[in-house]
Amino acid sequence: MYELRYDRVIESVWDSLPQTARDEFDQALLHACNDPHTATEPYGVDDGVTRTLILTHTIAVLLITHAPRKTLRILQITHLPT
């Protein structure tokens, strides 16, 4: 399992998401922490490190680090108003 990392700005955006979007995002992140390559898509050129999590209500850009420890860092969250 990958360790989830994010900064205070990301945390405030995450906290500001509507409940439906936040619930969907939470569930998707759980899946991404278990298997980030299956749960996400490449961000531009597939470098295996920068990935996109595309959901109904949000899009997030993630950075995957494999060594020295497995981490999944949220770089950006964008809310998609419906």
C-alpha atoms as a PDB file:
ATOM      1  CA  MET A   1       0.000   0.000   0.000  1.00  0.00           C
ATOM      2  CA  TYR A   2       1.168   3.512  -0.844  1.00  0.00           C
ATOM      3  CA  GLU A   3       1.339   6.208   1.828  1.00  0.00           C
ATOM      4  CA  LEU A   4      -0.846   9.220   0.984  1.00  0.00           C
ATOM      5  CA  ARG A   5       0.760  12.681   1.167  1.00  0.00           C
ATOM      6  CA  TYR A   6      -0.625  16.178   0.574  1.00  0.00           C
ATOM      7  CA  ASP A   7      -0.035  19.718   1.788  1.00  0.00           C
ATOM      8  CA  ARG A   8      -2.330  22.174   3.578  1.00  0.00           C
ATOM      9  CA  VAL A   9      -3.540  23.798   0.367  1.00  0.00           C
ATOM     10  CA  ILE A  10      -4.662  20.425  -0.976  1.00  0.00           C
ATOM     11  CA  GLU A  11      -6.282  19.637   2.358  1.00  0.00           C
ATOM     12  CA  SER A  12      -8.317  22.855   2.254  1.00  0.00           C
ATOM     13  CA  VAL A  13      -9.483  22.168  -1.315  1.00  0.00           C
ATOM     14  CA  TRP A  14     -10.361  18.589  -0.347  1.00  0.00           C
ATOM     15  CA  ASP A  15     -12.298  19.810   2.701  1.00  0.00           C
ATOM     16  CA  SER A  16     -14.205  22.333   0.572  1.00  0.00           C
ATOM     17  CA  LEU A  17     -15.541  19.716  -1.852  1.00  0.00           C
ATOM     18  CA  PRO A  18     -19.281  19.051  -1.688  1.00  0.00           C
ATOM     19  CA  GLN A  19     -20.115  15.882   0.263  1.00  0.00           C
ATOM     20  CA  THR A  20     -20.865  13.770  -2.828  1.00  0.00           C
ATOM     21  CA  ALA A  21     -17.579  14.766  -4.483  1.00  0.00           C
ATOM     22  CA  ARG A  22     -15.624  14.211  -1.261  1.00  0.00           C
ATOM     23  CA  ASP A  23     -17.115  10.735  -0.733  1.00  0.00           C
ATOM     24  CA  GLU A  24     -16.290   9.733  -4.315  1.00  0.00           C
ATOM     25  CA  PHE A  25     -12.758  11.147  -3.983  1.00  0.00           C
ATOM     26  CA  ASP A  26     -12.148   9.376  -0.658  1.00  0.00           C
ATOM     27  CA  GLN A  27     -13.144   5.997  -2.115  1.00  0.00           C
ATOM     28  CA  ALA A  28     -11.055   6.522  -5.254  1.00  0.00           C
ATOM     29  CA  LEU A  29      -7.992   7.450  -3.174  1.00  0.00           C
ATOM     30  CA  LEU A  30      -8.322   4.261  -1.144  1.00  0.00           C
ATOM     31  CA  HIS A  31      -8.231   2.293  -4.374  1.00  0.00           C
ATOM     32  CA  ALA A  32      -5.337   4.402  -5.710  1.00  0.00           C
ATOM     33  CA  CYS A  33      -3.277   3.830  -2.555  1.00  0.00           C
ATOM     34  CA  ASN A  34      -3.622   0.079  -3.105  1.00  0.00           C
ATOM     35  CA  ASP A  35      -2.905   0.093  -6.847  1.00  0.00           C
ATOM     36  CA  PRO A  36      -2.175   3.567  -8.237  1.00  0.00           C
ATOM     37  CA  HIS A  37      -1.528   2.479 -11.825  1.00  0.00           C
ATOM     38  CA  THR A  38      -4.866   0.687 -12.142  1.00  0.00           C
ATOM     39  CA  ALA A  39      -6.860   3.459 -10.455  1.00  0.00           C
ATOM     40  CA  THR A  40      -5.353   6.291 -12.500  1.00  0.00           C
ATOM     41  CA  GLU A  41      -4.429   7.311 -16.018  1.00  0.00           C
ATOM     42  CA  PRO A  42      -1.178   8.800 -17.333  1.00  0.00           C
ATOM     43  CA  TYR A  43      -0.800  12.559 -17.039  1.00  0.00           C
ATOM     44  CA  GLY A  44       0.379  13.501 -20.517  1.00  0.00           C
ATOM     45  CA  VAL A  45       3.324  11.314 -21.457  1.00  0.00           C
ATOM     46  CA  ASP A  46       3.223   8.073 -19.476  1.00  0.00           C
ATOM     47  CA  ASP A  47       6.297   8.379 -17.274  1.00  0.00           C
ATOM     48  CA  GLY A  48       4.830   5.998 -14.690  1.00  0.00           C
ATOM     49  CA  VAL A  49       5.175   8.678 -12.032  1.00  0.00           C
ATOM     50  CA  THR A  50       2.700  11.495 -12.727  1.00  0.00           C
ATOM     51  CA  ARG A  51      -0.877  10.228 -12.933  1.00  0.00           C
ATOM     52  CA  THR A  52      -4.406  11.589 -13.226  1.00  0.00           C
ATOM     53  CA  LEU A  53      -7.354  10.445 -11.135  1.00  0.00           C
ATOM     54  CA  ILE A  54     -10.466  11.220 -13.195  1.00  0.00           C
ATOM     55  CA  LEU A  55     -13.806  11.017 -11.398  1.00  0.00           C
ATOM     56  CA  THR A  56     -17.338  12.301 -11.939  1.00  0.00           C
ATOM     57  CA  HIS A  57     -16.930  15.296  -9.628  1.00  0.00           C
ATOM     58  CA  THR A  58     -13.163  15.826  -9.476  1.00  0.00           C
ATOM     59  CA  ILE A  59      -9.886  15.437 -11.305  1.00  0.00           C
ATOM     60  CA  ALA A  60      -6.668  15.094  -9.337  1.00  0.00           C
ATOM     61  CA  VAL A  61      -3.027  15.045 -10.367  1.00  0.00           C
ATOM     62  CA  LEU A  62      -0.952  12.564  -8.363  1.00  0.00           C
ATOM     63  CA  LEU A  63       2.763  11.846  -8.057  1.00  0.00           C
ATOM     64  CA  ILE A  64       3.786   8.247  -7.412  1.00  0.00           C
ATOM     65  CA  THR A  65       7.110   7.509  -5.712  1.00  0.00           C
ATOM     66  CA  HIS A  66       8.288   3.899  -5.554  1.00  0.00           C
ATOM     67  CA  ALA A  67      11.545   4.264  -3.618  1.00  0.00           C
ATOM     68  CA  PRO A  68      12.793   4.611  -0.959  1.00  0.00           C
ATOM     69  CA  ARG A  69       9.197   4.321   0.272  1.00  0.00           C
ATOM     70  CA  LYS A  70       5.963   4.016  -1.655  1.00  0.00           C
ATOM     71  CA  THR A  71       4.106   7.327  -1.585  1.00  0.00           C
ATOM     72  CA  LEU A  72       1.182   8.810  -3.442  1.00  0.00           C
ATOM     73  CA  ARG A  73       1.215  12.618  -3.314  1.00  0.00           C
ATOM     74  CA  ILE A  74      -1.771  14.723  -4.338  1.00  0.00           C
ATOM     75  CA  LEU A  75      -0.456  17.654  -6.376  1.00  0.00           C
ATOM     76  CA  GLN A  76      -3.761  19.190  -7.464  1.00  0.00           C
ATOM     77  CA  ILE A  77      -7.509  18.711  -7.017  1.00  0.00           C
ATOM     78  CA  THR A  78     -10.013  20.298  -9.387  1.00  0.00           C
ATOM     79  CA  HIS A  79     -13.735  20.217  -8.633  1.00  0.00           C
ATOM     80  CA  LEU A  80     -15.946  19.710 -11.683  1.00  0.00           C
ATOM     81  CA  PRO A  81     -19.267  21.415 -10.957  1.00  0.00           C
ATOM     82  CA  THR A  82     -22.237  19.500 -12.320  1.00  0.00           C
END
